[in-house]
N, C-alpha and C. Protein backbone atom coordinates (compact mmCIF):
# COMPACT_ATOMS: atom_id res chain seq x y z
N MET A 1 -12.69 21.17 3.26
CA MET A 1 -12.92 20.34 2.16
C MET A 1 -11.56 20.53 1.36
N SER A 2 -11.35 19.47 0.70
CA SER A 2 -9.78 19.38 0.36
C SER A 2 -9.75 20.13 -1.29
N ASP A 3 -8.57 20.72 -1.43
CA ASP A 3 -8.40 21.11 -2.71
C ASP A 3 -7.77 20.51 -3.64
N GLU A 4 -7.71 19.16 -3.39
CA GLU A 4 -7.32 17.96 -4.53
C GLU A 4 -8.14 18.05 -5.64
N PRO A 5 -7.46 18.15 -6.81
CA PRO A 5 -8.48 18.05 -8.07
C PRO A 5 -8.55 16.27 -8.31
N ASP A 6 -9.75 16.17 -8.98
CA ASP A 6 -10.06 14.90 -9.51
C ASP A 6 -9.98 13.71 -8.34
N THR A 7 -10.44 14.08 -7.41
CA THR A 7 -10.82 13.06 -6.32
C THR A 7 -11.84 13.47 -5.64
N LEU A 8 -12.60 12.26 -4.94
CA LEU A 8 -13.70 12.64 -3.84
C LEU A 8 -13.18 12.35 -2.66
N LEU A 9 -12.04 12.13 -2.25
CA LEU A 9 -11.47 12.01 -0.89
C LEU A 9 -11.17 13.18 -0.40
N GLU A 10 -11.14 13.47 1.04
CA GLU A 10 -10.98 14.55 1.54
C GLU A 10 -9.71 14.42 2.27
N PHE A 11 -8.94 15.34 2.14
CA PHE A 11 -7.40 14.95 2.99
C PHE A 11 -7.36 15.87 4.29
N PRO A 12 -6.57 15.25 5.15
CA PRO A 12 -6.21 13.97 5.39
C PRO A 12 -7.30 13.11 5.94
N CYS A 13 -6.96 11.75 5.23
CA CYS A 13 -7.87 10.72 5.68
C CYS A 13 -6.97 9.20 5.83
N ASP A 14 -7.87 8.34 6.36
CA ASP A 14 -7.25 6.88 6.78
C ASP A 14 -7.71 6.47 5.37
N PHE A 15 -6.72 5.53 4.83
CA PHE A 15 -6.85 4.98 3.66
C PHE A 15 -6.17 3.47 3.87
N ASP A 16 -6.63 2.66 3.02
CA ASP A 16 -6.10 1.20 3.01
C ASP A 16 -5.65 0.76 1.63
N ILE A 17 -4.54 0.30 1.47
CA ILE A 17 -3.91 0.03 0.38
C ILE A 17 -3.78 -1.60 0.40
N LYS A 18 -4.07 -2.26 -0.65
CA LYS A 18 -4.37 -3.69 -0.50
C LYS A 18 -3.24 -4.20 -1.90
N THR A 19 -2.24 -4.95 -1.37
CA THR A 19 -1.48 -5.44 -2.72
C THR A 19 -1.22 -7.19 -2.65
N PHE A 20 -1.11 -7.64 -3.56
CA PHE A 20 -1.05 -9.05 -3.91
C PHE A 20 0.42 -9.43 -4.64
N GLY A 21 0.96 -10.42 -4.06
CA GLY A 21 2.00 -10.95 -4.36
C GLY A 21 2.26 -12.51 -4.14
N ARG A 22 3.56 -13.11 -4.68
CA ARG A 22 3.48 -14.20 -4.56
C ARG A 22 4.31 -14.53 -3.00
N GLN A 23 3.72 -15.82 -2.30
CA GLN A 23 3.85 -16.14 -1.16
C GLN A 23 5.56 -16.58 -0.96
N GLY A 24 6.24 -16.13 -0.12
CA GLY A 24 7.61 -16.54 -0.38
C GLY A 24 8.42 -15.17 -0.15
N SER A 25 9.88 -15.26 -0.22
CA SER A 25 10.83 -14.21 -0.08
C SER A 25 10.45 -13.15 1.00
N ASP A 26 10.27 -12.04 0.68
CA ASP A 26 10.10 -11.03 1.54
C ASP A 26 8.90 -10.00 1.10
N PHE A 27 7.80 -10.63 0.70
CA PHE A 27 6.97 -9.57 0.20
C PHE A 27 6.51 -8.52 1.09
N GLU A 28 5.85 -8.85 2.45
CA GLU A 28 5.68 -8.29 3.25
C GLU A 28 6.55 -7.07 3.37
N GLN A 29 8.04 -7.08 3.69
CA GLN A 29 8.93 -6.22 3.98
C GLN A 29 8.98 -5.33 2.82
N THR A 30 9.10 -5.83 1.49
CA THR A 30 9.09 -5.24 0.38
C THR A 30 8.01 -4.18 0.21
N VAL A 31 6.67 -4.58 0.65
CA VAL A 31 5.62 -3.69 0.46
C VAL A 31 5.64 -2.55 1.62
N PHE A 32 6.25 -3.02 2.93
CA PHE A 32 6.18 -1.96 3.59
C PHE A 32 7.50 -0.96 3.56
N ARG A 33 8.42 -1.26 2.82
CA ARG A 33 9.59 -0.52 2.69
C ARG A 33 9.11 0.47 1.32
N LEU A 34 8.23 0.03 0.34
CA LEU A 34 8.07 0.98 -0.52
C LEU A 34 6.90 2.01 0.00
N VAL A 35 5.94 1.53 0.95
CA VAL A 35 5.16 2.47 1.23
C VAL A 35 5.53 3.28 2.07
N LYS A 36 6.61 3.00 3.15
CA LYS A 36 7.19 3.68 4.16
C LYS A 36 8.02 4.99 3.44
N ALA A 37 8.45 4.63 2.02
CA ALA A 37 9.13 5.74 1.74
C ALA A 37 8.18 6.73 1.34
N HIS A 38 6.83 6.96 1.42
CA HIS A 38 6.23 8.08 1.18
C HIS A 38 5.13 8.46 2.35
N ALA A 39 5.11 7.28 3.06
CA ALA A 39 4.60 7.52 4.28
C ALA A 39 5.22 7.41 5.48
N PRO A 40 6.28 8.36 5.89
CA PRO A 40 7.08 7.85 6.86
C PRO A 40 6.87 7.34 8.29
N GLU A 41 5.71 7.97 8.41
CA GLU A 41 4.52 7.30 10.03
C GLU A 41 4.42 5.77 10.17
N LEU A 42 4.69 5.16 8.80
CA LEU A 42 4.12 3.92 8.84
C LEU A 42 4.78 3.23 9.83
N GLU A 43 4.14 2.21 10.52
CA GLU A 43 4.60 1.13 11.16
C GLU A 43 4.30 -0.08 10.90
N GLU A 44 5.07 -1.16 11.52
CA GLU A 44 4.99 -2.54 11.00
C GLU A 44 3.56 -2.87 11.49
N ASN A 45 2.80 -2.64 12.43
CA ASN A 45 1.50 -2.89 12.81
C ASN A 45 0.53 -2.42 12.02
N ASP A 46 0.92 -1.54 11.14
CA ASP A 46 -0.20 -0.89 10.28
C ASP A 46 -0.03 -1.90 9.12
N LEU A 47 0.72 -2.89 9.13
CA LEU A 47 0.24 -4.09 7.89
C LEU A 47 -0.33 -5.15 8.40
N ARG A 48 -1.35 -5.52 7.40
CA ARG A 48 -1.88 -6.96 7.55
C ARG A 48 -1.77 -7.87 6.45
N ALA A 49 -1.47 -9.21 6.87
CA ALA A 49 -1.34 -9.84 5.70
C ALA A 49 -2.16 -11.24 5.90
N ARG A 50 -2.53 -11.88 4.53
CA ARG A 50 -3.48 -12.64 4.64
C ARG A 50 -2.94 -13.72 3.59
N GLU A 51 -2.84 -14.99 3.83
CA GLU A 51 -2.33 -15.96 2.71
C GLU A 51 -3.49 -16.57 2.10
N SER A 52 -3.35 -16.75 0.80
CA SER A 52 -4.24 -17.39 -0.22
C SER A 52 -4.68 -18.80 0.33
N SER A 53 -5.89 -19.45 -0.07
CA SER A 53 -6.22 -20.77 0.25
C SER A 53 -5.34 -21.89 -0.37
N GLY A 54 -4.62 -21.25 -1.06
CA GLY A 54 -3.84 -22.48 -1.86
C GLY A 54 -2.45 -22.10 -1.21
N GLY A 55 -2.08 -21.04 -0.75
CA GLY A 55 -0.62 -20.83 0.09
C GLY A 55 0.18 -19.98 -0.85
N LYS A 56 -0.24 -19.95 -2.46
CA LYS A 56 0.67 -19.51 -2.93
C LYS A 56 0.79 -18.31 -3.20
N TYR A 57 -0.05 -17.27 -3.07
CA TYR A 57 -0.04 -15.71 -2.74
C TYR A 57 -0.43 -15.18 -1.50
N LEU A 58 -0.11 -14.12 -1.23
CA LEU A 58 -0.03 -13.35 0.02
C LEU A 58 -0.76 -11.85 -0.50
N SER A 59 -1.88 -11.49 0.17
CA SER A 59 -2.18 -10.15 0.33
C SER A 59 -1.88 -9.21 1.61
N VAL A 60 -1.20 -8.03 1.10
CA VAL A 60 -0.90 -7.39 2.25
C VAL A 60 -1.53 -6.03 2.17
N THR A 61 -2.35 -5.84 3.27
CA THR A 61 -3.21 -4.50 3.28
C THR A 61 -2.48 -3.51 4.35
N VAL A 62 -2.42 -2.39 3.83
CA VAL A 62 -1.38 -1.33 4.54
C VAL A 62 -2.50 -0.04 4.82
N SER A 63 -2.56 0.28 5.81
CA SER A 63 -3.06 1.26 6.63
C SER A 63 -2.50 2.77 6.89
N ILE A 64 -2.74 3.87 6.17
CA ILE A 64 -1.95 4.69 6.03
C ILE A 64 -2.90 6.04 6.37
N ARG A 65 -2.32 7.19 6.74
CA ARG A 65 -2.95 8.29 6.72
C ARG A 65 -2.52 8.94 5.86
N ALA A 66 -3.42 8.89 4.81
CA ALA A 66 -3.12 9.75 3.54
C ALA A 66 -3.17 11.32 3.57
N ARG A 67 -2.22 12.13 3.16
CA ARG A 67 -2.02 13.41 3.20
C ARG A 67 -2.27 14.10 1.80
N SER A 68 -2.48 13.25 0.63
CA SER A 68 -2.63 13.89 -0.57
C SER A 68 -3.10 12.89 -1.47
N LYS A 69 -3.58 13.51 -2.79
CA LYS A 69 -3.66 12.55 -3.82
C LYS A 69 -2.31 12.23 -4.23
N ALA A 70 -1.48 13.18 -4.59
CA ALA A 70 0.07 13.07 -4.85
C ALA A 70 0.51 12.04 -4.09
N GLN A 71 0.35 11.75 -2.82
CA GLN A 71 1.17 11.03 -1.82
C GLN A 71 0.55 9.50 -2.28
N LEU A 72 -0.60 9.29 -2.58
CA LEU A 72 -1.19 8.04 -3.05
C LEU A 72 -0.62 7.88 -4.32
N ASP A 73 -0.88 8.78 -5.48
CA ASP A 73 -0.20 8.15 -6.48
C ASP A 73 1.33 7.79 -6.71
N SER A 74 1.92 8.31 -5.52
CA SER A 74 3.31 8.02 -5.41
C SER A 74 3.31 6.69 -5.02
N ILE A 75 2.49 6.38 -4.12
CA ILE A 75 2.87 5.20 -3.77
C ILE A 75 2.35 4.00 -4.58
N TYR A 76 1.19 4.17 -5.11
CA TYR A 76 0.62 3.19 -6.18
C TYR A 76 1.77 3.21 -7.00
N LYS A 77 2.35 4.09 -7.52
CA LYS A 77 3.36 3.96 -8.83
C LYS A 77 4.76 3.03 -8.07
N ALA A 78 5.06 3.31 -7.09
CA ALA A 78 6.30 2.47 -6.26
C ALA A 78 5.72 1.22 -6.35
N LEU A 79 4.58 0.96 -6.15
CA LEU A 79 4.08 -0.67 -5.73
C LEU A 79 3.87 -1.24 -7.03
N THR A 80 3.31 -0.45 -8.12
CA THR A 80 3.37 -1.13 -9.40
C THR A 80 4.61 -1.15 -10.25
N ASP A 81 5.62 -0.60 -9.76
CA ASP A 81 6.94 -0.43 -10.52
C ASP A 81 7.86 -1.56 -9.97
N SER A 82 7.19 -2.17 -8.73
CA SER A 82 7.80 -3.30 -8.05
C SER A 82 7.72 -4.25 -8.76
N GLY A 83 8.59 -5.24 -8.91
CA GLY A 83 8.57 -6.65 -9.56
C GLY A 83 7.94 -7.46 -8.49
N ALA A 84 7.95 -7.24 -7.36
CA ALA A 84 7.33 -8.12 -6.26
C ALA A 84 5.54 -8.17 -6.32
N VAL A 85 5.04 -6.75 -6.45
CA VAL A 85 3.78 -6.68 -6.36
C VAL A 85 3.02 -7.01 -7.93
N LEU A 86 2.13 -8.17 -7.68
CA LEU A 86 1.31 -8.38 -8.88
C LEU A 86 0.30 -7.52 -9.10
N MET A 87 -0.36 -6.85 -8.11
CA MET A 87 -1.55 -5.99 -8.12
C MET A 87 -1.61 -5.21 -7.17
N SER A 88 -2.16 -3.98 -7.18
CA SER A 88 -2.31 -3.14 -6.20
C SER A 88 -3.88 -2.47 -6.03
N LEU A 89 -4.76 -2.42 -5.04
CA LEU A 89 -5.98 -1.92 -5.04
C LEU A 89 -5.96 -0.67 -4.17
């Protein structure tokens, strides 16, 4: 069992992070760079992208092996602070 406070997750665990942004520019690469800074083992094939039906937005799901709640908090903060990410789940 994990010693992490305030979480139901047991670390390490597989964890998907879903982000949403505007189509175009380099949204996928931005998400990859932001997450990789906190999950160095991340590889390009750990990302899955899907375009919205209207083609205006892009969702990118990143699959990582989460080591701690602090790591996840850092990733979500980096994504939230990015002007490119509209929302992350």
